[in-house]
Amino acid sequence: SLEQRGGFKQTEMGREYVRDSLTLVALELNG
C-alpha cells in the first residue's frame, strides 16, 4: 500500500486468491 505505517501496509496473497476469477484490482465501487 501507499500507507507508510500500520500492521497491514503490506499483505501477502496466496496463489489460490491470485488466480481466482473474482479477485480484482478494483477501480470502482457501487457504480
Full PDB file with SEQRES, HELIX, SHEET, SSBOND, CRYST1, ORIGX, SCALE, CONECT and MASTER records, all heavy atoms in Angstrom:
SEQRES   1 A   31  SER LEU GLU GLN ARG GLY GLY PHE LYS GLN THR GLU MET          
SEQRES   2 A   31  GLY ARG GLU TYR VAL ARG ASP SER LEU THR LEU VAL ALA          
SEQRES   3 A   31  LEU GLU LEU ASN GLY                                          
HELIX    1 AA1 ARG A   15  VAL A   18  1                                   4    
CRYST1    1.000    1.000    1.000  90.00  90.00  90.00 P 1           1          
ORIGX1      1.000000  0.000000  0.000000        0.00000                         
ORIGX2      0.000000  1.000000  0.000000        0.00000                         
ORIGX3      0.000000  0.000000  1.000000        0.00000                         
SCALE1      1.000000  0.000000  0.000000        0.00000                         
SCALE2      0.000000  1.000000  0.000000        0.00000                         
SCALE3      0.000000  0.000000  1.000000        0.00000                         
ATOM      1  N   SER A   1       0.833  -1.204   0.000  1.00  0.00           N  
ATOM      2  CA  SER A   1       0.000   0.000   0.000  1.00  0.00           C  
ATOM      3  C   SER A   1       0.869   1.257   0.000  1.00  0.00           C  
ATOM      4  O   SER A   1       2.067   1.216   0.325  1.00  0.00           O  
ATOM      5  CB  SER A   1      -0.895  -0.003   1.243  1.00  0.00           C  
ATOM      6  OG  SER A   1      -1.594   1.206   1.380  1.00  0.00           O  
ATOM      7  N   LEU A   2       0.252   2.390  -0.335  1.00  0.00           N  
ATOM      8  CA  LEU A   2       0.920   3.685  -0.177  1.00  0.00           C  
ATOM      9  C   LEU A   2       1.118   4.025   1.293  1.00  0.00           C  
ATOM     10  O   LEU A   2       1.945   4.875   1.627  1.00  0.00           O  
ATOM     11  CB  LEU A   2       0.079   4.793  -0.827  1.00  0.00           C  
ATOM     12  CG  LEU A   2      -0.042   4.767  -2.355  1.00  0.00           C  
ATOM     13  CD1 LEU A   2      -1.087   5.781  -2.801  1.00  0.00           C  
ATOM     14  CD2 LEU A   2       1.308   5.060  -3.011  1.00  0.00           C  
ATOM     15  N   GLU A   3       0.365   3.373   2.147  1.00  0.00           N  
ATOM     16  CA  GLU A   3       0.451   3.609   3.590  1.00  0.00           C  
ATOM     17  C   GLU A   3       1.863   3.290   4.085  1.00  0.00           C  
ATOM     18  O   GLU A   3       2.428   2.246   3.749  1.00  0.00           O  
ATOM     19  CB  GLU A   3      -0.574   2.723   4.297  1.00  0.00           C  
ATOM     20  CG  GLU A   3      -0.761   3.019   5.754  1.00  0.00           C  
ATOM     21  CD  GLU A   3      -1.911   2.220   6.348  1.00  0.00           C  
ATOM     22  OE1 GLU A   3      -2.604   1.509   5.587  1.00  0.00           O  
ATOM     23  OE2 GLU A   3      -2.131   2.319   7.560  1.00  0.00           O  
ATOM     24  N   GLN A   4       2.430   4.175   4.892  1.00  0.00           N  
ATOM     25  CA  GLN A   4       3.791   4.000   5.380  1.00  0.00           C  
ATOM     26  C   GLN A   4       3.852   3.296   6.726  1.00  0.00           C  
ATOM     27  O   GLN A   4       4.881   2.725   7.089  1.00  0.00           O  
ATOM     28  CB  GLN A   4       4.496   5.362   5.486  1.00  0.00           C  
ATOM     29  CG  GLN A   4       4.631   6.078   4.149  1.00  0.00           C  
ATOM     30  CD  GLN A   4       5.431   5.255   3.153  1.00  0.00           C  
ATOM     31  OE1 GLN A   4       6.549   4.831   3.411  1.00  0.00           O  
ATOM     32  NE2 GLN A   4       4.835   5.014   1.975  1.00  0.00           N  
ATOM     33  N   ARG A   5       2.777   3.359   7.490  1.00  0.00           N  
ATOM     34  CA  ARG A   5       2.747   2.722   8.801  1.00  0.00           C  
ATOM     35  C   ARG A   5       1.487   1.881   8.939  1.00  0.00           C  
ATOM     36  O   ARG A   5       0.517   2.089   8.229  1.00  0.00           O  
ATOM     37  CB  ARG A   5       2.782   3.772   9.917  1.00  0.00           C  
ATOM     38  CG  ARG A   5       4.106   4.529  10.014  1.00  0.00           C  
ATOM     39  CD  ARG A   5       4.115   5.438  11.224  1.00  0.00           C  
ATOM     40  NE  ARG A   5       5.381   6.129  11.376  1.00  0.00           N  
ATOM     41  CZ  ARG A   5       5.656   6.957  12.378  1.00  0.00           C  
ATOM     42  NH1 ARG A   5       4.749   7.206  13.307  1.00  0.00           N  
ATOM     43  NH2 ARG A   5       6.847   7.545  12.441  1.00  0.00           N  
ATOM     44  N   GLY A   6       1.541   0.948   9.875  1.00  0.00           N  
ATOM     45  CA  GLY A   6       0.390   0.091  10.103  1.00  0.00           C  
ATOM     46  C   GLY A   6       0.737  -1.361   9.866  1.00  0.00           C  
ATOM     47  O   GLY A   6       1.593  -1.686   9.031  1.00  0.00           O  
ATOM     48  N   GLY A   7       0.066  -2.243  10.607  1.00  0.00           N  
ATOM     49  CA  GLY A   7       0.374  -3.660  10.521  1.00  0.00           C  
ATOM     50  C   GLY A   7       0.031  -4.286   9.191  1.00  0.00           C  
ATOM     51  O   GLY A   7       0.494  -5.389   8.887  1.00  0.00           O  
ATOM     52  N   PHE A   8      -0.785  -3.609   8.371  1.00  0.00           N  
ATOM     53  CA  PHE A   8      -1.210  -4.193   7.106  1.00  0.00           C  
ATOM     54  C   PHE A   8      -0.856  -3.306   5.920  1.00  0.00           C  
ATOM     55  O   PHE A   8      -1.546  -3.323   4.903  1.00  0.00           O  
ATOM     56  CB  PHE A   8      -2.711  -4.471   7.160  1.00  0.00           C  
ATOM     57  CG  PHE A   8      -3.080  -5.507   8.192  1.00  0.00           C  
ATOM     58  CD1 PHE A   8      -3.502  -5.123   9.463  1.00  0.00           C  
ATOM     59  CD2 PHE A   8      -2.971  -6.858   7.912  1.00  0.00           C  
ATOM     60  CE1 PHE A   8      -3.825  -6.064  10.416  1.00  0.00           C  
ATOM     61  CE2 PHE A   8      -3.293  -7.813   8.864  1.00  0.00           C  
ATOM     62  CZ  PHE A   8      -3.721  -7.411  10.121  1.00  0.00           C  
ATOM     63  N   LYS A   9       0.215  -2.540   6.051  1.00  0.00           N  
ATOM     64  CA  LYS A   9       0.693  -1.759   4.904  1.00  0.00           C  
ATOM     65  C   LYS A   9       1.218  -2.687   3.808  1.00  0.00           C  
ATOM     66  O   LYS A   9       1.274  -2.312   2.636  1.00  0.00           O  
ATOM     67  CB  LYS A   9       1.766  -0.776   5.340  1.00  0.00           C  
ATOM     68  CG  LYS A   9       3.040  -1.424   5.875  1.00  0.00           C  
ATOM     69  CD  LYS A   9       4.032  -0.393   6.354  1.00  0.00           C  
ATOM     70  CE  LYS A   9       5.306  -1.045   6.891  1.00  0.00           C  
ATOM     71  NZ  LYS A   9       6.272  -0.046   7.379  1.00  0.00           N  
ATOM     72  N   GLN A  10       1.606  -3.906   4.202  1.00  0.00           N  
ATOM     73  CA  GLN A  10       1.954  -4.961   3.254  1.00  0.00           C  
ATOM     74  C   GLN A  10       1.195  -6.221   3.648  1.00  0.00           C  
ATOM     75  O   GLN A  10       1.106  -6.556   4.829  1.00  0.00           O  
ATOM     76  CB  GLN A  10       3.455  -5.258   3.263  1.00  0.00           C  
ATOM     77  CG  GLN A  10       4.334  -4.130   2.776  1.00  0.00           C  
ATOM     78  CD  GLN A  10       5.796  -4.559   2.667  1.00  0.00           C  
ATOM     79  OE1 GLN A  10       6.122  -5.747   2.722  1.00  0.00           O  
ATOM     80  NE2 GLN A  10       6.674  -3.597   2.490  1.00  0.00           N  
ATOM     81  N   THR A  11       0.617  -6.887   2.676  1.00  0.00           N  
ATOM     82  CA  THR A  11      -0.042  -8.158   2.935  1.00  0.00           C  
ATOM     83  C   THR A  11       0.416  -9.173   1.899  1.00  0.00           C  
ATOM     84  O   THR A  11       0.964  -8.809   0.858  1.00  0.00           O  
ATOM     85  CB  THR A  11      -1.577  -8.019   2.863  1.00  0.00           C  
ATOM     86  OG1 THR A  11      -1.956  -7.606   1.543  1.00  0.00           O  
ATOM     87  CG2 THR A  11      -2.077  -6.992   3.864  1.00  0.00           C  
ATOM     88  N   GLU A  12       0.201 -10.435   2.201  1.00  0.00           N  
ATOM     89  CA  GLU A  12       0.570 -11.494   1.270  1.00  0.00           C  
ATOM     90  C   GLU A  12      -0.685 -12.203   0.781  1.00  0.00           C  
ATOM     91  O   GLU A  12      -1.642 -12.398   1.531  1.00  0.00           O  
ATOM     92  CB  GLU A  12       1.526 -12.491   1.936  1.00  0.00           C  
ATOM     93  CG  GLU A  12       2.874 -11.860   2.284  1.00  0.00           C  
ATOM     94  CD  GLU A  12       3.866 -12.859   2.838  1.00  0.00           C  
ATOM     95  OE1 GLU A  12       3.499 -14.051   2.967  1.00  0.00           O  
ATOM     96  OE2 GLU A  12       5.003 -12.451   3.139  1.00  0.00           O  
ATOM     97  N   MET A  13      -0.668 -12.567  -0.498  1.00  0.00           N  
ATOM     98  CA  MET A  13      -1.820 -13.220  -1.114  1.00  0.00           C  
ATOM     99  C   MET A  13      -1.373 -14.530  -1.749  1.00  0.00           C  
ATOM    100  O   MET A  13      -0.493 -14.537  -2.611  1.00  0.00           O  
ATOM    101  CB  MET A  13      -2.465 -12.307  -2.160  1.00  0.00           C  
ATOM    102  CG  MET A  13      -3.677 -12.914  -2.847  1.00  0.00           C  
ATOM    103  SD  MET A  13      -4.456 -11.791  -4.034  1.00  0.00           S  
ATOM    104  CE  MET A  13      -5.323 -10.681  -2.929  1.00  0.00           C  
ATOM    105  N   GLY A  14      -1.971 -15.617  -1.282  1.00  0.00           N  
ATOM    106  CA  GLY A  14      -1.645 -16.930  -1.827  1.00  0.00           C  
ATOM    107  C   GLY A  14      -2.154 -17.107  -3.243  1.00  0.00           C  
ATOM    108  O   GLY A  14      -3.067 -16.402  -3.705  1.00  0.00           O  
ATOM    109  N   ARG A  15      -1.592 -18.076  -3.933  1.00  0.00           N  
ATOM    110  CA  ARG A  15      -1.922 -18.297  -5.349  1.00  0.00           C  
ATOM    111  C   ARG A  15      -3.406 -18.607  -5.560  1.00  0.00           C  
ATOM    112  O   ARG A  15      -3.960 -18.329  -6.614  1.00  0.00           O  
ATOM    113  CB  ARG A  15      -1.061 -19.430  -5.887  1.00  0.00           C  
ATOM    114  CG  ARG A  15      -1.328 -20.786  -5.265  1.00  0.00           C  
ATOM    115  CD  ARG A  15      -0.172 -21.737  -5.363  1.00  0.00           C  
ATOM    116  NE  ARG A  15       0.946 -21.300  -4.539  1.00  0.00           N  
ATOM    117  CZ  ARG A  15       1.973 -22.096  -4.238  1.00  0.00           C  
ATOM    118  NH1 ARG A  15       2.030 -23.326  -4.722  1.00  0.00           N  
ATOM    119  NH2 ARG A  15       2.959 -21.652  -3.492  1.00  0.00           N  
ATOM    120  N   GLU A  16      -4.052 -19.208  -4.521  1.00  0.00           N  
ATOM    121  CA  GLU A  16      -5.468 -19.542  -4.685  1.00  0.00           C  
ATOM    122  C   GLU A  16      -6.320 -18.286  -4.864  1.00  0.00           C  
ATOM    123  O   GLU A  16      -7.354 -18.313  -5.556  1.00  0.00           O  
ATOM    124  CB  GLU A  16      -5.971 -20.369  -3.490  1.00  0.00           C  
ATOM    125  CG  GLU A  16      -6.015 -19.659  -2.155  1.00  0.00           C  
ATOM    126  CD  GLU A  16      -4.708 -19.737  -1.371  1.00  0.00           C  
ATOM    127  OE1 GLU A  16      -3.639 -19.825  -2.000  1.00  0.00           O  
ATOM    128  OE2 GLU A  16      -4.780 -19.707  -0.136  1.00  0.00           O  
ATOM    129  N   TYR A  17      -5.889 -17.170  -4.250  1.00  0.00           N  
ATOM    130  CA  TYR A  17      -6.602 -15.903  -4.426  1.00  0.00           C  
ATOM    131  C   TYR A  17      -6.142 -15.186  -5.695  1.00  0.00           C  
ATOM    132  O   TYR A  17      -6.943 -14.588  -6.415  1.00  0.00           O  
ATOM    133  CB  TYR A  17      -6.376 -14.996  -3.218  1.00  0.00           C  
ATOM    134  CG  TYR A  17      -6.957 -15.540  -1.940  1.00  0.00           C  
ATOM    135  CD1 TYR A  17      -6.130 -16.099  -0.957  1.00  0.00           C  
ATOM    136  CD2 TYR A  17      -8.324 -15.503  -1.695  1.00  0.00           C  
ATOM    137  CE1 TYR A  17      -6.653 -16.592   0.220  1.00  0.00           C  
ATOM    138  CE2 TYR A  17      -8.855 -15.995  -0.515  1.00  0.00           C  
ATOM    139  CZ  TYR A  17      -8.017 -16.547   0.445  1.00  0.00           C  
ATOM    140  OH  TYR A  17      -8.535 -17.053   1.601  1.00  0.00           O  
ATOM    141  N   VAL A  18      -4.836 -15.223  -5.953  1.00  0.00           N  
ATOM    142  CA  VAL A  18      -4.297 -14.537  -7.130  1.00  0.00           C  
ATOM    143  C   VAL A  18      -4.966 -15.057  -8.399  1.00  0.00           C  
ATOM    144  O   VAL A  18      -5.301 -14.284  -9.310  1.00  0.00           O  
ATOM    145  CB  VAL A  18      -2.766 -14.732  -7.218  1.00  0.00           C  
ATOM    146  CG1 VAL A  18      -2.225 -14.140  -8.514  1.00  0.00           C  
ATOM    147  CG2 VAL A  18      -2.079 -14.106  -6.010  1.00  0.00           C  
ATOM    148  N   ARG A  19      -5.192 -16.359  -8.476  1.00  0.00           N  
ATOM    149  CA  ARG A  19      -5.717 -16.968  -9.688  1.00  0.00           C  
ATOM    150  C   ARG A  19      -7.245 -17.048  -9.720  1.00  0.00           C  
ATOM    151  O   ARG A  19      -7.817 -17.521 -10.704  1.00  0.00           O  
ATOM    152  CB  ARG A  19      -5.127 -18.366  -9.841  1.00  0.00           C  
ATOM    153  CG  ARG A  19      -3.647 -18.348 -10.193  1.00  0.00           C  
ATOM    154  CD  ARG A  19      -3.443 -17.822 -11.607  1.00  0.00           C  
ATOM    155  NE  ARG A  19      -2.072 -17.347 -11.831  1.00  0.00           N  
ATOM    156  CZ  ARG A  19      -1.663 -16.805 -12.963  1.00  0.00           C  
ATOM    157  NH1 ARG A  19      -2.520 -16.660 -13.974  1.00  0.00           N  
ATOM    158  NH2 ARG A  19      -0.425 -16.373 -13.094  1.00  0.00           N  
ATOM    159  N   ASP A  20      -7.890 -16.585  -8.667  1.00  0.00           N  
ATOM    160  CA  ASP A  20      -9.348 -16.637  -8.639  1.00  0.00           C  
ATOM    161  C   ASP A  20      -9.933 -15.571  -9.571  1.00  0.00           C  
ATOM    162  O   ASP A  20      -9.477 -14.424  -9.592  1.00  0.00           O  
ATOM    163  CB  ASP A  20      -9.864 -16.415  -7.217  1.00  0.00           C  
ATOM    164  CG  ASP A  20     -11.323 -16.791  -7.070  1.00  0.00           C  
ATOM    165  OD1 ASP A  20     -12.187 -16.023  -7.525  1.00  0.00           O  
ATOM    166  OD2 ASP A  20     -11.600 -17.859  -6.505  1.00  0.00           O  
ATOM    167  N   SER A  21     -10.967 -15.949 -10.324  1.00  0.00           N  
ATOM    168  CA  SER A  21     -11.549 -15.034 -11.309  1.00  0.00           C  
ATOM    169  C   SER A  21     -12.266 -13.848 -10.680  1.00  0.00           C  
ATOM    170  O   SER A  21     -12.562 -12.860 -11.361  1.00  0.00           O  
ATOM    171  CB  SER A  21     -12.538 -15.794 -12.202  1.00  0.00           C  
ATOM    172  OG  SER A  21     -13.601 -16.329 -11.425  1.00  0.00           O  
ATOM    173  N   LEU A  22     -12.547 -13.911  -9.378  1.00  0.00           N  
ATOM    174  CA  LEU A  22     -13.241 -12.815  -8.699  1.00  0.00           C  
ATOM    175  C   LEU A  22     -12.290 -11.827  -8.024  1.00  0.00           C  
ATOM    176  O   LEU A  22     -12.745 -10.800  -7.504  1.00  0.00           O  
ATOM    177  CB  LEU A  22     -14.216 -13.373  -7.648  1.00  0.00           C  
ATOM    178  CG  LEU A  22     -15.345 -14.271  -8.168  1.00  0.00           C  
ATOM    179  CD1 LEU A  22     -16.251 -14.684  -7.019  1.00  0.00           C  
ATOM    180  CD2 LEU A  22     -16.137 -13.571  -9.255  1.00  0.00           C  
ATOM    181  N   THR A  23     -10.998 -12.115  -7.995  1.00  0.00           N  
ATOM    182  CA  THR A  23     -10.039 -11.223  -7.359  1.00  0.00           C  
ATOM    183  C   THR A  23      -9.696 -10.069  -8.293  1.00  0.00           C  
ATOM    184  O   THR A  23      -9.200 -10.287  -9.399  1.00  0.00           O  
ATOM    185  CB  THR A  23      -8.756 -11.983  -6.969  1.00  0.00           C  
ATOM    186  OG1 THR A  23      -9.099 -13.048  -6.068  1.00  0.00           O  
ATOM    187  CG2 THR A  23      -7.759 -11.062  -6.291  1.00  0.00           C  
ATOM    188  N   LEU A  24      -9.960  -8.856  -7.828  1.00  0.00           N  
ATOM    189  CA  LEU A  24      -9.788  -7.675  -8.672  1.00  0.00           C  
ATOM    190  C   LEU A  24      -8.853  -6.651  -8.056  1.00  0.00           C  
ATOM    191  O   LEU A  24      -8.758  -6.533  -6.828  1.00  0.00           O  
ATOM    192  CB  LEU A  24     -11.133  -6.969  -8.893  1.00  0.00           C  
ATOM    193  CG  LEU A  24     -12.309  -7.719  -9.513  1.00  0.00           C  
ATOM    194  CD1 LEU A  24     -13.478  -6.758  -9.693  1.00  0.00           C  
ATOM    195  CD2 LEU A  24     -11.923  -8.375 -10.818  1.00  0.00           C  
ATOM    196  N   VAL A  25      -8.196  -5.903  -8.931  1.00  0.00           N  
ATOM    197  CA  VAL A  25      -7.677  -4.586  -8.574  1.00  0.00           C  
ATOM    198  C   VAL A  25      -8.829  -3.642  -8.893  1.00  0.00           C  
ATOM    199  O   VAL A  25      -9.091  -3.316 -10.053  1.00  0.00           O  
ATOM    200  CB  VAL A  25      -6.415  -4.237  -9.377  1.00  0.00           C  
ATOM    201  CG1 VAL A  25      -6.025  -2.781  -9.137  1.00  0.00           C  
ATOM    202  CG2 VAL A  25      -5.273  -5.163  -9.001  1.00  0.00           C  
ATOM    203  N   ALA A  26      -9.576  -3.265  -7.873  1.00  0.00           N  
ATOM    204  CA  ALA A  26     -10.831  -2.538  -8.060  1.00  0.00           C  
ATOM    205  C   ALA A  26     -10.587  -1.052  -8.294  1.00  0.00           C  
ATOM    206  O   ALA A  26      -9.771  -0.423  -7.598  1.00  0.00           O  
ATOM    207  CB  ALA A  26     -11.730  -2.731  -6.847  1.00  0.00           C  
ATOM    208  N   LEU A  27     -11.308  -0.509  -9.272  1.00  0.00           N  
ATOM    209  CA  LEU A  27     -11.244   0.915  -9.610  1.00  0.00           C  
ATOM    210  C   LEU A  27     -12.569   1.613  -9.328  1.00  0.00           C  
ATOM    211  O   LEU A  27     -12.614   2.846  -9.207  1.00  0.00           O  
ATOM    212  CB  LEU A  27     -10.890   1.098 -11.089  1.00  0.00           C  
ATOM    213  CG  LEU A  27      -9.619   0.394 -11.579  1.00  0.00           C  
ATOM    214  CD1 LEU A  27      -9.462   0.597 -13.090  1.00  0.00           C  
ATOM    215  CD2 LEU A  27      -8.398   0.902 -10.832  1.00  0.00           C  
ATOM    216  N   GLU A  28     -13.664   0.828  -9.220  1.00  0.00           N  
ATOM    217  CA  GLU A  28     -14.991   1.393  -8.998  1.00  0.00           C  
ATOM    218  C   GLU A  28     -15.699   0.624  -7.884  1.00  0.00           C  
ATOM    219  O   GLU A  28     -15.428  -0.559  -7.659  1.00  0.00           O  
ATOM    220  CB  GLU A  28     -15.835   1.334 -10.276  1.00  0.00           C  
ATOM    221  CG  GLU A  28     -15.272   2.140 -11.427  1.00  0.00           C  
ATOM    222  CD  GLU A  28     -16.144   2.045 -12.681  1.00  0.00           C  
ATOM    223  OE1 GLU A  28     -17.296   1.548 -12.573  1.00  0.00           O  
ATOM    224  OE2 GLU A  28     -15.671   2.453 -13.757  1.00  0.00           O  
ATOM    225  N   LEU A  29     -16.618   1.321  -7.222  1.00  0.00           N  
ATOM    226  CA  LEU A  29     -17.411   0.732  -6.150  1.00  0.00           C  
ATOM    227  C   LEU A  29     -18.850   1.208  -6.275  1.00  0.00           C  
ATOM    228  O   LEU A  29     -19.100   2.418  -6.369  1.00  0.00           O  
ATOM    229  CB  LEU A  29     -16.832   1.125  -4.781  1.00  0.00           C  
ATOM    230  CG  LEU A  29     -17.678   0.828  -3.540  1.00  0.00           C  
ATOM    231  CD1 LEU A  29     -17.956  -0.670  -3.400  1.00  0.00           C  
ATOM    232  CD2 LEU A  29     -16.973   1.359  -2.279  1.00  0.00           C  
ATOM    233  N   ASN A  30     -19.764   0.252  -6.301  1.00  0.00           N  
ATOM    234  CA  ASN A  30     -21.205   0.553  -6.361  1.00  0.00           C  
ATOM    235  C   ASN A  30     -21.554   1.544  -7.471  1.00  0.00           C  
ATOM    236  O   ASN A  30     -22.325   2.492  -7.280  1.00  0.00           O  
ATOM    237  CB  ASN A  30     -21.707   1.073  -5.007  1.00  0.00           C  
ATOM    238  CG  ASN A  30     -21.801  -0.050  -3.975  1.00  0.00           C  
ATOM    239  OD1 ASN A  30     -21.843  -1.229  -4.319  1.00  0.00           O  
ATOM    240  ND2 ASN A  30     -21.829   0.318  -2.703  1.00  0.00           N  
ATOM    241  N   GLY A  31     -20.924   1.344  -8.625  1.00  0.00           N  
ATOM    242  CA  GLY A  31     -21.262   2.123  -9.810  1.00  0.00           C  
ATOM    243  C   GLY A  31     -20.567   3.454  -9.945  1.00  0.00           C  
ATOM    244  O   GLY A  31     -20.820   4.190 -10.913  1.00  0.00           O  
TER     245      GLY A  31                                                      
MASTER        0    0    0    1    0    0    0    6  244    1    0    3          
END                                                                             
